[in-house]
N, C-alpha and C. Protein backbone atom coordinates (compact mmCIF):
# COMPACT_ATOMS: atom_id res chain seq x y z
N MET A 1 9.52 -33.56 -29.42
CA MET A 1 8.02 -33.60 -29.32
C MET A 1 7.37 -33.61 -30.56
N THR A 2 6.36 -34.30 -30.85
CA THR A 2 5.67 -34.48 -32.13
C THR A 2 4.77 -33.47 -32.38
N LEU A 3 4.66 -33.05 -33.61
CA LEU A 3 3.66 -32.16 -34.00
C LEU A 3 2.25 -32.21 -33.16
N LYS A 4 1.69 -33.40 -33.32
CA LYS A 4 0.57 -33.50 -32.64
C LYS A 4 0.48 -33.18 -31.15
N MET A 5 1.54 -33.43 -30.46
CA MET A 5 1.67 -33.29 -29.10
C MET A 5 1.92 -31.84 -28.87
N GLN A 6 2.58 -31.08 -29.81
CA GLN A 6 2.73 -29.61 -29.69
C GLN A 6 1.38 -28.91 -29.83
N GLN A 7 0.68 -29.51 -30.80
CA GLN A 7 -0.76 -28.99 -30.96
C GLN A 7 -1.69 -29.02 -29.98
N GLN A 8 -1.51 -30.27 -29.13
CA GLN A 8 -2.37 -30.51 -27.95
C GLN A 8 -2.05 -29.50 -26.93
N LYS A 9 -0.74 -29.38 -26.66
CA LYS A 9 -0.09 -28.55 -25.81
C LYS A 9 -0.57 -27.02 -26.03
N ASP A 10 -0.57 -26.63 -27.26
CA ASP A 10 -0.90 -25.21 -27.59
C ASP A 10 -2.37 -24.95 -27.41
N SER A 11 -3.26 -26.08 -27.72
CA SER A 11 -4.62 -25.99 -27.56
C SER A 11 -4.97 -25.83 -26.10
N GLN A 12 -4.46 -26.57 -25.08
CA GLN A 12 -4.46 -26.62 -23.79
C GLN A 12 -4.17 -25.20 -23.29
N GLU A 13 -3.04 -24.65 -23.55
CA GLU A 13 -2.59 -23.39 -23.19
C GLU A 13 -3.59 -22.37 -23.73
N GLU A 14 -4.13 -22.38 -24.82
CA GLU A 14 -5.17 -21.52 -25.20
C GLU A 14 -6.39 -21.50 -24.34
N ILE A 15 -6.72 -22.78 -24.20
CA ILE A 15 -8.06 -22.94 -23.31
C ILE A 15 -7.84 -22.29 -21.88
N ILE A 16 -6.44 -22.59 -21.37
CA ILE A 16 -6.27 -22.14 -19.90
C ILE A 16 -6.26 -20.58 -20.10
N THR A 17 -5.50 -19.94 -21.05
CA THR A 17 -5.40 -18.55 -21.30
C THR A 17 -6.85 -17.92 -21.39
N GLN A 18 -7.82 -18.56 -22.12
CA GLN A 18 -9.16 -17.99 -22.22
C GLN A 18 -9.86 -18.09 -20.91
N GLU A 19 -9.80 -19.11 -20.20
CA GLU A 19 -10.36 -19.21 -18.89
C GLU A 19 -9.80 -18.01 -17.83
N LEU A 20 -8.65 -17.98 -18.05
CA LEU A 20 -7.85 -17.01 -17.07
C LEU A 20 -8.55 -15.65 -17.38
N GLN A 21 -8.67 -15.20 -18.69
CA GLN A 21 -9.11 -13.93 -19.16
C GLN A 21 -10.42 -13.86 -18.77
N SER A 22 -11.30 -14.91 -18.80
CA SER A 22 -12.59 -14.71 -18.30
C SER A 22 -12.79 -14.54 -16.79
N HIS A 23 -11.86 -15.20 -16.14
CA HIS A 23 -11.96 -14.93 -14.59
C HIS A 23 -11.49 -13.63 -14.41
N ILE A 24 -10.48 -13.05 -15.02
CA ILE A 24 -9.96 -11.68 -14.86
C ILE A 24 -11.05 -10.71 -15.04
N LEU A 25 -11.75 -10.85 -16.18
CA LEU A 25 -12.88 -10.07 -16.28
C LEU A 25 -13.83 -10.04 -15.33
N VAL A 26 -14.25 -11.17 -14.83
CA VAL A 26 -15.19 -11.19 -13.72
C VAL A 26 -14.76 -10.62 -12.54
N LEU A 27 -13.47 -10.71 -12.12
CA LEU A 27 -12.70 -10.14 -10.97
C LEU A 27 -12.89 -8.56 -11.35
N ASN A 28 -12.54 -8.05 -12.38
CA ASN A 28 -12.44 -6.71 -12.67
C ASN A 28 -13.90 -6.05 -12.43
N GLN A 29 -14.86 -6.83 -12.93
CA GLN A 29 -16.16 -6.41 -12.84
C GLN A 29 -16.59 -6.09 -11.30
N SER A 30 -16.32 -7.27 -10.66
CA SER A 30 -16.39 -7.21 -9.14
C SER A 30 -15.83 -6.22 -8.53
N LEU A 31 -14.54 -5.87 -8.90
CA LEU A 31 -13.68 -4.96 -8.29
C LEU A 31 -14.40 -3.53 -8.50
N GLN A 32 -14.84 -3.32 -9.63
CA GLN A 32 -15.41 -1.97 -10.09
C GLN A 32 -16.78 -1.88 -9.21
N LYS A 33 -17.58 -2.81 -9.14
CA LYS A 33 -18.80 -2.72 -8.23
C LYS A 33 -18.42 -2.33 -6.79
N LEU A 34 -17.35 -2.97 -6.31
CA LEU A 34 -16.98 -2.82 -5.03
C LEU A 34 -16.48 -1.35 -4.78
N SER A 35 -15.65 -0.79 -5.77
CA SER A 35 -15.17 0.45 -5.69
C SER A 35 -16.31 1.57 -5.66
N GLU A 36 -17.23 1.19 -6.58
CA GLU A 36 -18.37 2.05 -6.52
C GLU A 36 -19.12 2.07 -5.14
N ARG A 37 -19.23 0.93 -4.72
CA ARG A 37 -20.01 0.80 -3.34
C ARG A 37 -19.23 1.56 -2.33
N LEU A 38 -17.93 1.32 -2.48
CA LEU A 38 -17.04 2.08 -1.44
C LEU A 38 -17.15 3.63 -1.46
N ASN A 39 -17.07 4.09 -2.83
CA ASN A 39 -17.26 5.51 -2.78
C ASN A 39 -18.63 5.98 -2.32
N GLN A 40 -19.64 5.26 -2.60
CA GLN A 40 -21.00 5.53 -1.98
C GLN A 40 -21.00 5.60 -0.47
N LEU A 41 -20.35 4.68 0.22
CA LEU A 41 -20.23 4.63 1.53
C LEU A 41 -19.54 5.63 2.05
N GLU A 42 -18.30 6.01 1.43
CA GLU A 42 -17.58 7.13 1.81
C GLU A 42 -18.41 8.46 1.94
N GLN A 43 -19.11 8.76 0.79
CA GLN A 43 -19.93 9.84 0.87
C GLN A 43 -21.10 9.90 1.88
N ARG A 44 -21.62 8.74 2.24
CA ARG A 44 -22.63 8.63 3.24
C ARG A 44 -21.96 8.91 4.62
N ILE A 45 -20.86 8.37 4.79
CA ILE A 45 -20.06 8.57 6.16
C ILE A 45 -19.83 10.02 6.34
N SER A 46 -19.24 10.81 5.17
CA SER A 46 -18.90 12.19 5.21
C SER A 46 -20.20 12.81 5.73
N SER A 47 -21.28 12.60 4.91
CA SER A 47 -22.47 13.49 5.30
C SER A 47 -22.97 13.10 6.72
N LEU A 48 -22.66 11.98 7.35
CA LEU A 48 -23.03 11.72 8.70
C LEU A 48 -22.12 12.35 9.69
N GLU A 49 -20.91 12.63 9.15
CA GLU A 49 -19.95 13.32 10.16
C GLU A 49 -20.23 14.84 10.30
N ASN A 50 -20.96 15.42 9.31
CA ASN A 50 -21.49 16.79 9.53
C ASN A 50 -22.89 16.95 9.28
N PRO A 51 -23.72 16.44 10.17
CA PRO A 51 -25.06 16.45 9.85
C PRO A 51 -25.80 17.80 9.83
N GLN A 52 -26.71 17.92 8.98
CA GLN A 52 -27.33 19.33 8.91
C GLN A 52 -28.88 19.02 9.28
N LEU A 53 -29.07 19.54 10.64
CA LEU A 53 -30.32 19.37 11.10
C LEU A 53 -31.28 20.57 10.51
N MET A 54 -32.36 20.12 10.12
CA MET A 54 -33.32 21.13 9.44
C MET A 54 -34.58 21.16 10.19
N TYR A 55 -35.24 22.28 9.91
CA TYR A 55 -36.46 22.33 10.63
C TYR A 55 -37.45 23.18 9.68
N LYS A 56 -38.65 22.63 9.68
CA LYS A 56 -39.69 23.35 8.82
C LYS A 56 -40.74 23.98 9.76
N ARG A 57 -40.85 25.30 9.52
CA ARG A 57 -41.93 25.97 10.36
C ARG A 57 -43.16 25.58 9.89
N PRO A 58 -44.21 25.62 10.73
CA PRO A 58 -45.51 25.26 10.36
C PRO A 58 -46.28 25.96 9.14
N THR A 59 -45.85 27.28 9.23
CA THR A 59 -46.40 28.23 8.12
C THR A 59 -45.59 28.15 6.87
N CYS A 60 -44.60 27.45 6.82
CA CYS A 60 -43.59 27.56 5.57
C CYS A 60 -43.71 26.27 4.82
N ASP A 61 -43.19 26.37 3.66
CA ASP A 61 -43.02 25.13 2.99
C ASP A 61 -41.50 24.61 2.80
N GLU A 62 -40.65 25.45 3.14
CA GLU A 62 -39.17 25.20 3.03
C GLU A 62 -38.53 24.90 4.33
N TYR A 63 -37.54 24.11 4.35
CA TYR A 63 -36.88 23.73 5.49
C TYR A 63 -35.56 24.88 5.72
N GLU A 64 -35.29 25.06 7.04
CA GLU A 64 -34.16 25.96 7.12
C GLU A 64 -33.40 25.27 8.21
N SER A 65 -32.20 25.72 8.27
CA SER A 65 -31.13 25.11 9.36
C SER A 65 -31.52 25.49 10.68
N ILE A 66 -31.31 24.74 11.70
CA ILE A 66 -31.58 24.87 13.07
C ILE A 66 -30.80 26.25 13.55
N SER A 67 -29.76 26.45 13.11
CA SER A 67 -29.18 27.83 13.44
C SER A 67 -29.90 28.95 13.11
N SER A 68 -30.36 28.87 11.84
CA SER A 68 -31.36 29.92 11.33
C SER A 68 -32.56 30.03 12.18
N THR A 69 -33.15 29.00 12.54
CA THR A 69 -34.41 28.99 13.37
C THR A 69 -34.09 29.61 14.77
N LEU A 70 -32.95 29.15 15.32
CA LEU A 70 -32.54 29.77 16.60
C LEU A 70 -32.35 31.21 16.57
N ASP A 71 -31.64 31.59 15.48
CA ASP A 71 -31.31 33.03 15.30
C ASP A 71 -32.63 33.83 15.22
N TYR A 72 -33.57 33.25 14.51
CA TYR A 72 -34.93 33.99 14.41
C TYR A 72 -35.54 33.86 15.71
N LEU A 73 -35.61 33.11 16.37
CA LEU A 73 -36.30 32.90 17.53
C LEU A 73 -35.73 33.88 18.69
N HIS A 74 -34.26 33.76 18.60
CA HIS A 74 -33.66 34.84 19.49
C HIS A 74 -34.11 36.32 19.16
N ASN A 75 -33.95 36.70 17.89
CA ASN A 75 -34.32 37.90 17.53
C ASN A 75 -35.64 38.32 17.88
N THR A 76 -36.57 37.56 17.71
CA THR A 76 -37.96 37.69 17.97
C THR A 76 -38.18 37.94 19.42
N ILE A 77 -37.40 37.21 20.26
CA ILE A 77 -37.68 37.35 21.74
C ILE A 77 -37.14 38.55 22.06
N GLU A 78 -35.90 38.93 21.50
CA GLU A 78 -35.27 40.37 21.95
C GLU A 78 -36.15 41.51 21.42
N GLU A 79 -36.83 41.40 20.47
CA GLU A 79 -37.94 42.34 19.89
C GLU A 79 -39.02 42.62 20.96
N LEU A 80 -39.38 41.37 21.47
CA LEU A 80 -40.45 41.42 22.46
C LEU A 80 -40.07 42.18 23.84
N ARG A 81 -38.85 42.09 24.18
CA ARG A 81 -38.49 42.63 25.59
C ARG A 81 -38.56 44.01 25.51
């Protein structure tokens, strides 16, 4: 193989290597974005598996859990008896 042919071959290999590296970079970036999205979705699904129902009394500014509200109502009714 002549020197010129070897140089052309080396040049082509370098171009191919650069293109592959560029593609790998794009794929890694896409994979990173997908991984972040998957983590977000997993967190949302987790929160939906254990919903926390909240209630805000008309006279209050803060929310409380439904169980706390029911406890309050139960105790108030018991006091009225």
